[in-house]
Amino acid sequence: MARYLDIHPVDPQPRLIEQAVRILREGGLIAYPTDSCYALGCTLDNADGLERIRRIRQVGQNHDFTLVCADFAQLGQFVIISNPVFRLVKNATPGPYTFILPATKEVPRRMSHPKKKTVGVRIPEHRVAHALVEALGEPIVSSTLLLPGHEEPPSEGWQVQDLLDHQLEAIIDSGEVGIDPTSVVDVSSGAAEVRREGAGDVAHLL
């Protein structure tokens, strides 16, 4: 049974954030709110966590995970970003966007695209998501909490609990969140190519 953590969406309680971070560091898999929708998350070195996300979502080995980062300093450790692309990403963050960029050697091979050597990164605007990543001190490896057979992800913690209570170590409830995943923009070639239109407006990125 997952630990259910009721965390304030505007002023996250440090004690509860630290509980969630401890669960992540101990190899746990969590469901947490973002500025787009709920996400599943684990730490970078948690190979079992990645496999559990794949099983829950019923996706293959080529599934694109996202590194949810606290800031550009953290993001810059894991992707190669040119000055023009930096300006584009900077103007859209924090926010509900995932940017696909060339991965550095800091990204585990099991996480980057096997052929293109790219990875998705984002900096969320949601205060709880940001507090989690900041307290963890490294990105959270994440995937949209969209289950097989469902057209939309759950928007509230109790719905996540009903669906996945025995498959997670923690569920964070910070009130209702959206049901649209991030907009995904591939900037790995230097030009912006929209892979998925979601919660973020992409018109100003093209």
N, C-alpha and C. Protein backbone atom coordinates (compact mmCIF):
# COMPACT_ATOMS: atom_id res chain seq x y z
N MET A 1 0.84 -1.20 0.00
CA MET A 1 0.00 0.00 0.00
C MET A 1 0.87 1.25 0.00
N ALA A 2 0.55 2.18 -0.88
CA ALA A 2 1.35 3.40 -1.02
C ALA A 2 1.12 4.35 0.16
N ARG A 3 2.17 5.05 0.55
CA ARG A 3 2.01 6.12 1.54
C ARG A 3 1.34 7.30 0.86
N TYR A 4 0.31 7.84 1.49
CA TYR A 4 -0.47 8.94 0.91
C TYR A 4 -0.05 10.24 1.59
N LEU A 5 0.56 11.13 0.82
CA LEU A 5 1.09 12.37 1.38
C LEU A 5 0.28 13.55 0.86
N ASP A 6 -0.38 14.25 1.76
CA ASP A 6 -1.21 15.40 1.40
C ASP A 6 -0.35 16.66 1.55
N ILE A 7 0.16 17.17 0.44
CA ILE A 7 1.12 18.28 0.46
C ILE A 7 0.49 19.54 -0.12
N HIS A 8 0.67 20.65 0.58
CA HIS A 8 0.05 21.91 0.15
C HIS A 8 0.61 22.34 -1.21
N PRO A 9 -0.27 22.72 -2.16
CA PRO A 9 0.19 23.03 -3.52
C PRO A 9 0.98 24.33 -3.64
N VAL A 10 0.80 25.26 -2.70
CA VAL A 10 1.47 26.55 -2.78
C VAL A 10 2.64 26.65 -1.80
N ASP A 11 2.46 26.08 -0.62
CA ASP A 11 3.48 26.14 0.42
C ASP A 11 3.78 24.72 0.91
N PRO A 12 4.52 23.93 0.11
CA PRO A 12 4.77 22.52 0.45
C PRO A 12 5.46 22.36 1.80
N GLN A 13 4.93 21.46 2.64
CA GLN A 13 5.52 21.22 3.95
C GLN A 13 6.86 20.49 3.80
N PRO A 14 7.96 21.09 4.28
CA PRO A 14 9.28 20.46 4.13
C PRO A 14 9.34 19.04 4.69
N ARG A 15 8.65 18.80 5.79
CA ARG A 15 8.68 17.47 6.41
C ARG A 15 8.11 16.41 5.46
N LEU A 16 7.02 16.75 4.77
CA LEU A 16 6.40 15.80 3.85
C LEU A 16 7.20 15.66 2.56
N ILE A 17 7.79 16.75 2.10
CA ILE A 17 8.67 16.68 0.94
C ILE A 17 9.84 15.75 1.23
N GLU A 18 10.39 15.87 2.44
CA GLU A 18 11.53 15.04 2.80
C GLU A 18 11.13 13.57 2.90
N GLN A 19 9.92 13.29 3.34
CA GLN A 19 9.43 11.90 3.36
C GLN A 19 9.39 11.33 1.95
N ALA A 20 8.86 12.11 1.01
CA ALA A 20 8.79 11.65 -0.38
C ALA A 20 10.19 11.45 -0.96
N VAL A 21 11.10 12.35 -0.66
CA VAL A 21 12.47 12.24 -1.16
C VAL A 21 13.15 11.00 -0.59
N ARG A 22 12.90 10.72 0.69
CA ARG A 22 13.48 9.52 1.31
C ARG A 22 12.98 8.26 0.60
N ILE A 23 11.71 8.25 0.26
CA ILE A 23 11.15 7.10 -0.45
C ILE A 23 11.81 6.94 -1.82
N LEU A 24 12.04 8.04 -2.51
CA LEU A 24 12.73 7.99 -3.80
C LEU A 24 14.15 7.45 -3.64
N ARG A 25 14.87 7.97 -2.64
CA ARG A 25 16.26 7.54 -2.43
C ARG A 25 16.36 6.08 -2.04
N GLU A 26 15.32 5.55 -1.44
CA GLU A 26 15.32 4.14 -1.03
C GLU A 26 14.83 3.22 -2.14
N GLY A 27 14.69 3.76 -3.34
CA GLY A 27 14.31 2.92 -4.49
C GLY A 27 12.83 2.89 -4.78
N GLY A 28 12.07 3.80 -4.15
CA GLY A 28 10.63 3.80 -4.33
C GLY A 28 10.18 4.46 -5.63
N LEU A 29 8.97 4.13 -6.01
CA LEU A 29 8.31 4.72 -7.17
C LEU A 29 7.14 5.55 -6.65
N ILE A 30 7.03 6.79 -7.12
CA ILE A 30 5.99 7.68 -6.61
C ILE A 30 5.13 8.21 -7.75
N ALA A 31 3.92 8.66 -7.39
CA ALA A 31 3.08 9.44 -8.28
C ALA A 31 3.02 10.84 -7.71
N TYR A 32 3.29 11.84 -8.55
CA TYR A 32 3.34 13.20 -8.04
C TYR A 32 2.74 14.18 -9.04
N PRO A 33 2.22 15.31 -8.56
CA PRO A 33 1.57 16.28 -9.45
C PRO A 33 2.60 17.18 -10.13
N THR A 34 2.28 17.61 -11.34
CA THR A 34 3.11 18.59 -12.05
C THR A 34 2.19 19.69 -12.59
N ASP A 35 2.79 20.63 -13.30
CA ASP A 35 1.99 21.71 -13.88
C ASP A 35 1.25 21.27 -15.14
N SER A 36 1.41 20.03 -15.55
CA SER A 36 0.62 19.50 -16.67
C SER A 36 -0.36 18.45 -16.15
N CYS A 37 0.15 17.34 -15.64
CA CYS A 37 -0.70 16.29 -15.10
C CYS A 37 0.12 15.44 -14.13
N TYR A 38 -0.48 14.37 -13.62
CA TYR A 38 0.26 13.48 -12.72
C TYR A 38 1.36 12.74 -13.48
N ALA A 39 2.45 12.47 -12.76
CA ALA A 39 3.58 11.74 -13.34
C ALA A 39 4.00 10.62 -12.40
N LEU A 40 4.60 9.59 -12.97
CA LEU A 40 5.28 8.55 -12.20
C LEU A 40 6.75 8.92 -12.16
N GLY A 41 7.41 8.73 -11.00
CA GLY A 41 8.80 9.14 -10.92
C GLY A 41 9.66 8.26 -10.04
N CYS A 42 10.96 8.19 -10.39
CA CYS A 42 11.95 7.47 -9.60
C CYS A 42 13.29 8.17 -9.79
N THR A 43 14.33 7.69 -9.12
CA THR A 43 15.65 8.30 -9.25
C THR A 43 16.39 7.77 -10.48
N LEU A 44 17.45 8.49 -10.85
CA LEU A 44 18.24 8.15 -12.04
C LEU A 44 18.85 6.75 -11.99
N ASP A 45 19.27 6.34 -10.81
CA ASP A 45 19.97 5.05 -10.69
C ASP A 45 19.02 3.89 -10.41
N ASN A 46 17.71 4.14 -10.47
CA ASN A 46 16.72 3.12 -10.13
C ASN A 46 16.27 2.36 -11.37
N ALA A 47 17.08 1.38 -11.80
CA ALA A 47 16.74 0.60 -13.00
C ALA A 47 15.44 -0.16 -12.81
N ASP A 48 15.21 -0.67 -11.61
CA ASP A 48 13.97 -1.40 -11.33
C ASP A 48 12.77 -0.45 -11.42
N GLY A 49 12.96 0.79 -10.98
CA GLY A 49 11.87 1.77 -11.07
C GLY A 49 11.46 2.02 -12.51
N LEU A 50 12.46 2.11 -13.41
CA LEU A 50 12.15 2.31 -14.83
C LEU A 50 11.34 1.13 -15.38
N GLU A 51 11.74 -0.07 -15.00
CA GLU A 51 11.01 -1.25 -15.47
C GLU A 51 9.59 -1.29 -14.91
N ARG A 52 9.43 -0.86 -13.68
CA ARG A 52 8.09 -0.83 -13.09
C ARG A 52 7.20 0.18 -13.80
N ILE A 53 7.78 1.34 -14.16
CA ILE A 53 7.00 2.32 -14.93
C ILE A 53 6.58 1.72 -16.27
N ARG A 54 7.52 1.03 -16.93
CA ARG A 54 7.19 0.40 -18.22
C ARG A 54 6.06 -0.62 -18.06
N ARG A 55 6.10 -1.40 -16.97
CA ARG A 55 5.05 -2.40 -16.75
C ARG A 55 3.71 -1.74 -16.47
N ILE A 56 3.72 -0.72 -15.63
CA ILE A 56 2.47 -0.04 -15.28
C ILE A 56 1.84 0.59 -16.52
N ARG A 57 2.66 1.21 -17.33
CA ARG A 57 2.15 1.89 -18.52
C ARG A 57 2.06 0.97 -19.74
N GLN A 58 2.66 -0.22 -19.63
CA GLN A 58 2.68 -1.19 -20.73
C GLN A 58 3.30 -0.58 -21.99
N VAL A 59 4.52 -0.07 -21.81
CA VAL A 59 5.27 0.51 -22.92
C VAL A 59 6.58 -0.27 -23.08
N GLY A 60 7.20 -0.13 -24.24
CA GLY A 60 8.40 -0.91 -24.56
C GLY A 60 9.69 -0.25 -24.09
N GLN A 61 10.80 -0.88 -24.48
CA GLN A 61 12.12 -0.41 -24.07
C GLN A 61 12.48 0.94 -24.68
N ASN A 62 11.83 1.31 -25.77
CA ASN A 62 12.13 2.59 -26.42
C ASN A 62 11.27 3.73 -25.90
N HIS A 63 10.55 3.48 -24.83
CA HIS A 63 9.71 4.54 -24.25
C HIS A 63 10.58 5.73 -23.82
N ASP A 64 10.11 6.93 -24.15
CA ASP A 64 10.86 8.14 -23.81
C ASP A 64 10.54 8.61 -22.40
N PHE A 65 11.53 8.53 -21.52
CA PHE A 65 11.39 9.08 -20.18
C PHE A 65 11.82 10.55 -20.20
N THR A 66 11.43 11.28 -19.17
CA THR A 66 11.79 12.69 -19.05
C THR A 66 12.55 12.93 -17.75
N LEU A 67 13.59 13.75 -17.83
CA LEU A 67 14.29 14.18 -16.63
C LEU A 67 13.65 15.49 -16.15
N VAL A 68 12.98 15.43 -15.02
CA VAL A 68 12.37 16.63 -14.45
C VAL A 68 13.40 17.30 -13.55
N CYS A 69 13.80 18.52 -13.92
CA CYS A 69 14.91 19.21 -13.28
C CYS A 69 14.45 20.40 -12.45
N ALA A 70 15.29 20.80 -11.52
CA ALA A 70 14.97 21.94 -10.65
C ALA A 70 15.27 23.27 -11.32
N ASP A 71 16.36 23.30 -12.11
CA ASP A 71 16.80 24.57 -12.71
C ASP A 71 17.73 24.28 -13.89
N PHE A 72 18.23 25.36 -14.52
CA PHE A 72 19.09 25.18 -15.68
C PHE A 72 20.46 24.62 -15.31
N ALA A 73 20.93 24.91 -14.12
CA ALA A 73 22.22 24.35 -13.69
C ALA A 73 22.15 22.83 -13.67
N GLN A 74 21.04 22.31 -13.16
CA GLN A 74 20.86 20.86 -13.10
C GLN A 74 20.62 20.29 -14.50
N LEU A 75 19.80 20.96 -15.25
CA LEU A 75 19.48 20.51 -16.61
C LEU A 75 20.74 20.42 -17.47
N GLY A 76 21.64 21.40 -17.30
CA GLY A 76 22.85 21.46 -18.10
C GLY A 76 23.82 20.32 -17.88
N GLN A 77 23.67 19.58 -16.79
CA GLN A 77 24.52 18.42 -16.54
C GLN A 77 24.16 17.24 -17.44
N PHE A 78 22.93 17.24 -17.94
CA PHE A 78 22.40 16.04 -18.59
C PHE A 78 22.11 16.20 -20.08
N VAL A 79 22.11 17.44 -20.57
CA VAL A 79 21.88 17.65 -22.01
C VAL A 79 22.88 18.66 -22.56
N ILE A 80 23.12 18.55 -23.86
CA ILE A 80 23.98 19.50 -24.58
C ILE A 80 23.06 20.55 -25.20
N ILE A 81 23.28 21.80 -24.86
CA ILE A 81 22.37 22.84 -25.30
C ILE A 81 23.14 24.04 -25.85
N SER A 82 22.86 24.40 -27.10
CA SER A 82 23.54 25.53 -27.75
C SER A 82 22.91 26.84 -27.28
N ASN A 83 23.58 27.94 -27.57
CA ASN A 83 23.05 29.24 -27.14
C ASN A 83 21.68 29.57 -27.72
N PRO A 84 21.46 29.38 -29.04
CA PRO A 84 20.12 29.68 -29.58
C PRO A 84 19.03 28.81 -28.95
N VAL A 85 19.33 27.52 -28.77
CA VAL A 85 18.35 26.62 -28.16
C VAL A 85 18.15 26.97 -26.69
N PHE A 86 19.22 27.38 -26.02
CA PHE A 86 19.12 27.80 -24.61
C PHE A 86 18.11 28.93 -24.48
N ARG A 87 18.17 29.91 -25.38
CA ARG A 87 17.25 31.04 -25.30
C ARG A 87 15.80 30.58 -25.50
N LEU A 88 15.60 29.67 -26.44
CA LEU A 88 14.25 29.16 -26.70
C LEU A 88 13.70 28.43 -25.48
N VAL A 89 14.52 27.54 -24.92
CA VAL A 89 14.08 26.77 -23.74
C VAL A 89 13.88 27.69 -22.54
N LYS A 90 14.78 28.64 -22.38
CA LYS A 90 14.70 29.58 -21.25
C LYS A 90 13.39 30.36 -21.27
N ASN A 91 12.96 30.76 -22.47
CA ASN A 91 11.73 31.55 -22.60
C ASN A 91 10.48 30.75 -22.28
N ALA A 92 10.59 29.43 -22.33
CA ALA A 92 9.41 28.58 -22.12
C ALA A 92 9.42 27.88 -20.75
N THR A 93 10.40 28.16 -19.93
CA THR A 93 10.48 27.46 -18.65
C THR A 93 10.58 28.46 -17.49
N PRO A 94 10.10 28.08 -16.30
CA PRO A 94 9.41 26.81 -16.04
C PRO A 94 8.04 26.78 -16.69
N GLY A 95 7.59 25.59 -17.01
CA GLY A 95 6.29 25.45 -17.65
C GLY A 95 6.04 24.04 -18.15
N PRO A 96 4.87 23.81 -18.75
CA PRO A 96 4.47 22.46 -19.15
C PRO A 96 5.03 22.03 -20.51
N TYR A 97 6.35 22.08 -20.63
CA TYR A 97 7.04 21.71 -21.86
C TYR A 97 8.12 20.67 -21.57
N THR A 98 8.25 19.70 -22.47
CA THR A 98 9.37 18.77 -22.46
C THR A 98 10.19 19.03 -23.71
N PHE A 99 11.50 19.25 -23.52
CA PHE A 99 12.39 19.50 -24.65
C PHE A 99 13.31 18.30 -24.85
N ILE A 100 13.38 17.84 -26.10
CA ILE A 100 14.26 16.72 -26.43
C ILE A 100 15.59 17.28 -26.92
N LEU A 101 16.68 16.88 -26.26
CA LEU A 101 18.01 17.40 -26.53
C LEU A 101 19.04 16.27 -26.52
N PRO A 102 20.21 16.48 -27.14
CA PRO A 102 21.27 15.46 -27.07
C PRO A 102 21.67 15.21 -25.61
N ALA A 103 21.79 13.95 -25.25
CA ALA A 103 22.12 13.58 -23.87
C ALA A 103 23.62 13.59 -23.64
N THR A 104 24.04 13.99 -22.44
CA THR A 104 25.44 13.87 -22.04
C THR A 104 25.68 12.47 -21.49
N LYS A 105 26.93 12.20 -21.14
CA LYS A 105 27.27 10.89 -20.59
C LYS A 105 26.72 10.68 -19.18
N GLU A 106 26.19 11.75 -18.58
CA GLU A 106 25.59 11.62 -17.24
C GLU A 106 24.26 10.88 -17.28
N VAL A 107 23.67 10.79 -18.47
CA VAL A 107 22.37 10.12 -18.61
C VAL A 107 22.61 8.63 -18.80
N PRO A 108 22.04 7.78 -17.95
CA PRO A 108 22.20 6.33 -18.12
C PRO A 108 21.74 5.88 -19.50
N ARG A 109 22.45 4.94 -20.09
CA ARG A 109 22.14 4.47 -21.45
C ARG A 109 20.72 3.92 -21.54
N ARG A 110 20.25 3.32 -20.44
CA ARG A 110 18.90 2.75 -20.47
C ARG A 110 17.81 3.81 -20.58
N MET A 111 18.20 5.08 -20.37
CA MET A 111 17.22 6.16 -20.39
C MET A 111 17.20 6.93 -21.70
N SER A 112 18.35 7.08 -22.36
CA SER A 112 18.41 7.89 -23.58
C SER A 112 17.89 7.08 -24.77
N HIS A 113 17.47 7.80 -25.81
CA HIS A 113 17.00 7.14 -27.03
C HIS A 113 18.15 6.30 -27.59
N PRO A 114 17.92 5.00 -27.84
CA PRO A 114 19.03 4.11 -28.20
C PRO A 114 19.75 4.48 -29.49
N LYS A 115 19.05 5.12 -30.44
CA LYS A 115 19.68 5.46 -31.72
C LYS A 115 20.11 6.92 -31.77
N LYS A 116 19.28 7.80 -31.26
CA LYS A 116 19.55 9.23 -31.39
C LYS A 116 20.37 9.80 -30.23
N LYS A 117 20.47 9.04 -29.13
CA LYS A 117 21.20 9.49 -27.94
C LYS A 117 20.64 10.84 -27.43
N THR A 118 19.32 10.90 -27.39
CA THR A 118 18.65 12.10 -26.90
C THR A 118 17.84 11.76 -25.66
N VAL A 119 17.43 12.81 -24.93
CA VAL A 119 16.60 12.62 -23.75
C VAL A 119 15.70 13.83 -23.58
N GLY A 120 14.53 13.62 -23.00
CA GLY A 120 13.62 14.72 -22.72
C GLY A 120 13.93 15.34 -21.36
N VAL A 121 13.86 16.67 -21.30
CA VAL A 121 14.09 17.38 -20.04
C VAL A 121 13.02 18.45 -19.87
N ARG A 122 12.73 18.77 -18.61
CA ARG A 122 11.78 19.85 -18.35
C ARG A 122 12.02 20.43 -16.96
N ILE A 123 11.58 21.68 -16.78
CA ILE A 123 11.60 22.34 -15.48
C ILE A 123 10.16 22.71 -15.16
N PRO A 124 9.54 22.08 -14.17
CA PRO A 124 8.12 22.31 -13.90
C PRO A 124 7.86 23.60 -13.13
N GLU A 125 6.66 24.14 -13.31
CA GLU A 125 6.26 25.32 -12.57
C GLU A 125 5.52 24.96 -11.29
N HIS A 126 5.02 23.74 -11.19
CA HIS A 126 4.28 23.29 -10.00
C HIS A 126 5.20 23.30 -8.78
N ARG A 127 4.78 23.94 -7.71
CA ARG A 127 5.67 24.13 -6.55
C ARG A 127 6.04 22.83 -5.86
N VAL A 128 5.12 21.88 -5.84
CA VAL A 128 5.43 20.61 -5.18
C VAL A 128 6.45 19.83 -6.00
N ALA A 129 6.24 19.76 -7.31
CA ALA A 129 7.20 19.07 -8.18
C ALA A 129 8.57 19.72 -8.06
N HIS A 130 8.60 21.04 -8.06
CA HIS A 130 9.88 21.75 -7.97
C HIS A 130 10.55 21.49 -6.62
N ALA A 131 9.76 21.51 -5.55
CA ALA A 131 10.30 21.26 -4.20
C ALA A 131 10.89 19.86 -4.11
N LEU A 132 10.24 18.88 -4.73
CA LEU A 132 10.74 17.50 -4.71
C LEU A 132 12.11 17.40 -5.38
N VAL A 133 12.21 17.96 -6.58
CA VAL A 133 13.46 17.85 -7.33
C VAL A 133 14.57 18.62 -6.63
N GLU A 134 14.23 19.78 -6.09
CA GLU A 134 15.23 20.59 -5.39
C GLU A 134 15.75 19.86 -4.15
N ALA A 135 14.85 19.24 -3.39
CA ALA A 135 15.25 18.52 -2.18
C ALA A 135 16.03 17.25 -2.51
N LEU A 136 15.67 16.60 -3.63
CA LEU A 136 16.37 15.38 -4.04
C LEU A 136 17.79 15.69 -4.49
N GLY A 137 18.00 16.85 -5.10
CA GLY A 137 19.33 17.24 -5.55
C GLY A 137 19.74 16.67 -6.89
N GLU A 138 18.80 16.03 -7.57
CA GLU A 138 19.04 15.48 -8.91
C GLU A 138 17.69 15.35 -9.59
N PRO A 139 17.68 15.18 -10.92
CA PRO A 139 16.39 15.07 -11.61
C PRO A 139 15.60 13.83 -11.19
N ILE A 140 14.29 13.94 -11.31
CA ILE A 140 13.41 12.79 -11.15
C ILE A 140 13.12 12.23 -12.54
N VAL A 141 13.40 10.95 -12.73
CA VAL A 141 13.07 10.30 -14.00
C VAL A 141 11.57 10.07 -14.02
N SER A 142 10.90 10.63 -15.01
CA SER A 142 9.44 10.67 -14.98
C SER A 142 8.80 10.23 -16.28
N SER A 143 7.52 9.84 -16.15
CA SER A 143 6.68 9.49 -17.28
C SER A 143 5.25 9.87 -16.93
N THR A 144 4.52 10.38 -17.91
CA THR A 144 3.11 10.74 -17.69
C THR A 144 2.34 9.55 -17.13
N LEU A 145 1.50 9.79 -16.14
CA LEU A 145 0.72 8.72 -15.54
C LEU A 145 -0.53 8.46 -16.38
N LEU A 146 -0.32 7.91 -17.54
CA LEU A 146 -1.41 7.55 -18.44
C LEU A 146 -1.43 6.04 -18.57
N LEU A 147 -2.52 5.42 -18.08
CA LEU A 147 -2.58 3.97 -18.01
C LEU A 147 -3.21 3.36 -19.25
N PRO A 148 -2.86 2.12 -19.57
CA PRO A 148 -3.43 1.44 -20.73
C PRO A 148 -4.96 1.41 -20.65
N GLY A 149 -5.60 1.72 -21.76
CA GLY A 149 -7.06 1.70 -21.79
C GLY A 149 -7.72 2.96 -21.29
N HIS A 150 -6.91 3.92 -20.80
CA HIS A 150 -7.45 5.19 -20.31
C HIS A 150 -7.13 6.29 -21.32
N GLU A 151 -8.10 7.14 -21.59
CA GLU A 151 -7.88 8.25 -22.52
C GLU A 151 -7.20 9.43 -21.85
N GLU A 152 -7.35 9.54 -20.53
CA GLU A 152 -6.77 10.67 -19.80
C GLU A 152 -6.10 10.16 -18.53
N PRO A 153 -5.09 10.89 -18.04
CA PRO A 153 -4.49 10.54 -16.75
C PRO A 153 -5.42 10.96 -15.62
N PRO A 154 -5.29 10.36 -14.44
CA PRO A 154 -6.08 10.80 -13.29
C PRO A 154 -5.70 12.23 -12.91
N SER A 155 -6.66 12.98 -12.37
CA SER A 155 -6.40 14.37 -12.03
C SER A 155 -6.32 14.62 -10.53
N GLU A 156 -6.62 13.60 -9.71
CA GLU A 156 -6.60 13.78 -8.26
C GLU A 156 -5.94 12.58 -7.59
N GLY A 157 -5.38 12.84 -6.40
CA GLY A 157 -4.65 11.80 -5.68
C GLY A 157 -5.47 10.57 -5.37
N TRP A 158 -6.73 10.76 -4.98
CA TRP A 158 -7.55 9.60 -4.62
C TRP A 158 -7.80 8.70 -5.82
N GLN A 159 -7.84 9.30 -7.03
CA GLN A 159 -8.00 8.49 -8.23
C GLN A 159 -6.75 7.65 -8.49
N VAL A 160 -5.58 8.26 -8.27
CA VAL A 160 -4.32 7.51 -8.40
C VAL A 160 -4.30 6.36 -7.39
N GLN A 161 -4.75 6.64 -6.18
CA GLN A 161 -4.78 5.61 -5.14
C GLN A 161 -5.68 4.44 -5.54
N ASP A 162 -6.86 4.75 -6.10
CA ASP A 162 -7.78 3.69 -6.54
C ASP A 162 -7.16 2.83 -7.62
N LEU A 163 -6.35 3.44 -8.49
CA LEU A 163 -5.79 2.73 -9.63
C LEU A 163 -4.49 1.97 -9.31
N LEU A 164 -3.64 2.58 -8.46
CA LEU A 164 -2.27 2.08 -8.33
C LEU A 164 -1.79 1.92 -6.89
N ASP A 165 -2.68 1.86 -5.95
CA ASP A 165 -2.29 1.86 -4.54
C ASP A 165 -1.23 0.82 -4.19
N HIS A 166 -1.34 -0.37 -4.77
CA HIS A 166 -0.42 -1.46 -4.40
C HIS A 166 0.77 -1.57 -5.35
N GLN A 167 0.89 -0.63 -6.27
CA GLN A 167 2.01 -0.68 -7.21
C GLN A 167 3.01 0.45 -7.00
N LEU A 168 2.74 1.32 -6.03
CA LEU A 168 3.60 2.47 -5.76
C LEU A 168 3.99 2.50 -4.28
N GLU A 169 5.06 3.24 -3.99
CA GLU A 169 5.46 3.44 -2.59
C GLU A 169 4.88 4.74 -2.01
N ALA A 170 4.53 5.70 -2.87
CA ALA A 170 3.96 6.95 -2.36
C ALA A 170 3.11 7.62 -3.43
N ILE A 171 2.04 8.27 -2.97
CA ILE A 171 1.18 9.09 -3.82
C ILE A 171 1.10 10.46 -3.17
N ILE A 172 1.40 11.49 -3.94
CA ILE A 172 1.33 12.85 -3.42
C ILE A 172 0.06 13.51 -3.91
N ASP A 173 -0.73 14.02 -2.98
CA ASP A 173 -1.97 14.73 -3.30
C ASP A 173 -1.77 16.20 -2.98
N SER A 174 -1.88 17.04 -4.01
CA SER A 174 -1.79 18.49 -3.82
C SER A 174 -3.00 19.18 -4.44
N GLY A 175 -4.12 18.47 -4.44
CA GLY A 175 -5.31 19.00 -5.09
C GLY A 175 -5.37 18.58 -6.54
N GLU A 176 -6.40 19.01 -7.21
CA GLU A 176 -6.63 18.62 -8.60
C GLU A 176 -5.57 19.22 -9.53
N VAL A 177 -5.11 18.41 -10.46
CA VAL A 177 -4.16 18.89 -11.49
C VAL A 177 -4.80 18.70 -12.86
N GLY A 178 -4.10 19.11 -13.90
CA GLY A 178 -4.62 18.99 -15.26
C GLY A 178 -4.60 17.56 -15.77
N ILE A 179 -5.15 17.39 -16.97
CA ILE A 179 -5.19 16.06 -17.59
C ILE A 179 -4.43 16.05 -18.92
N ASP A 180 -3.85 17.20 -19.28
CA ASP A 180 -3.07 17.27 -20.52
C ASP A 180 -1.60 17.08 -20.21
N PRO A 181 -0.91 16.17 -20.91
CA PRO A 181 0.53 16.02 -20.71
C PRO A 181 1.27 17.24 -21.26
N THR A 182 2.57 17.28 -21.04
CA THR A 182 3.37 18.40 -21.55
C THR A 182 3.35 18.44 -23.08
N SER A 183 3.60 19.61 -23.61
CA SER A 183 3.93 19.71 -25.03
C SER A 183 5.38 19.27 -25.19
N VAL A 184 5.63 18.43 -26.19
CA VAL A 184 6.98 17.90 -26.41
C VAL A 184 7.58 18.56 -27.66
N VAL A 185 8.72 19.20 -27.47
CA VAL A 185 9.38 19.92 -28.56
C VAL A 185 10.79 19.36 -28.75
N ASP A 186 11.06 18.83 -29.93
CA ASP A 186 12.39 18.28 -30.25
C ASP A 186 13.28 19.41 -30.77
N VAL A 187 14.30 19.75 -30.01
CA VAL A 187 15.26 20.79 -30.44
C VAL A 187 16.66 20.20 -30.57
N SER A 188 16.73 18.88 -30.73
CA SER A 188 18.03 18.20 -30.77
C SER A 188 18.82 18.56 -32.03
N SER A 189 18.13 19.00 -33.09
CA SER A 189 18.83 19.37 -34.33
C SER A 189 19.13 20.87 -34.38
N GLY A 190 18.66 21.61 -33.39
CA GLY A 190 18.84 23.06 -33.37
C GLY A 190 17.59 23.82 -33.76
N ALA A 191 16.68 23.17 -34.50
CA ALA A 191 15.40 23.77 -34.86
C ALA A 191 14.28 23.10 -34.06
N ALA A 192 13.23 23.85 -33.78
CA ALA A 192 12.14 23.31 -32.96
C ALA A 192 11.16 22.51 -33.82
N GLU A 193 10.92 21.28 -33.40
CA GLU A 193 9.93 20.42 -34.06
C GLU A 193 8.98 19.89 -33.00
N VAL A 194 7.70 20.20 -33.14
CA VAL A 194 6.71 19.79 -32.14
C VAL A 194 6.38 18.32 -32.33
N ARG A 195 6.65 17.53 -31.31
CA ARG A 195 6.32 16.10 -31.34
C ARG A 195 4.92 15.84 -30.78
N ARG A 196 4.51 16.68 -29.83
CA ARG A 196 3.19 16.50 -29.22
C ARG A 196 2.69 17.84 -28.70
N GLU A 197 1.49 18.22 -29.08
CA GLU A 197 0.89 19.42 -28.52
C GLU A 197 0.10 19.03 -27.28
N GLY A 198 0.45 19.65 -26.16
CA GLY A 198 -0.21 19.33 -24.90
C GLY A 198 -0.58 20.57 -24.13
N ALA A 199 -0.20 20.60 -22.85
CA ALA A 199 -0.62 21.69 -21.97
C ALA A 199 0.02 23.03 -22.33
N GLY A 200 1.19 23.03 -22.92
CA GLY A 200 1.89 24.27 -23.22
C GLY A 200 1.63 24.76 -24.64
N ASP A 201 1.36 26.05 -24.81
CA ASP A 201 1.17 26.64 -26.13
C ASP A 201 2.51 26.63 -26.88
N VAL A 202 2.50 26.09 -28.09
CA VAL A 202 3.76 25.94 -28.82
C VAL A 202 3.96 26.99 -29.92
N ALA A 203 2.95 27.82 -30.14
CA ALA A 203 3.01 28.76 -31.26
C ALA A 203 4.24 29.67 -31.19
N HIS A 204 4.61 30.12 -29.98
CA HIS A 204 5.73 31.06 -29.84
C HIS A 204 7.09 30.37 -29.93
N LEU A 205 7.10 29.03 -30.02
CA LEU A 205 8.36 28.30 -30.08
C LEU A 205 8.80 28.00 -31.52
N LEU A 206 7.92 28.23 -32.46
CA LEU A 206 8.21 27.85 -33.86
C LEU A 206 8.64 29.03 -34.69
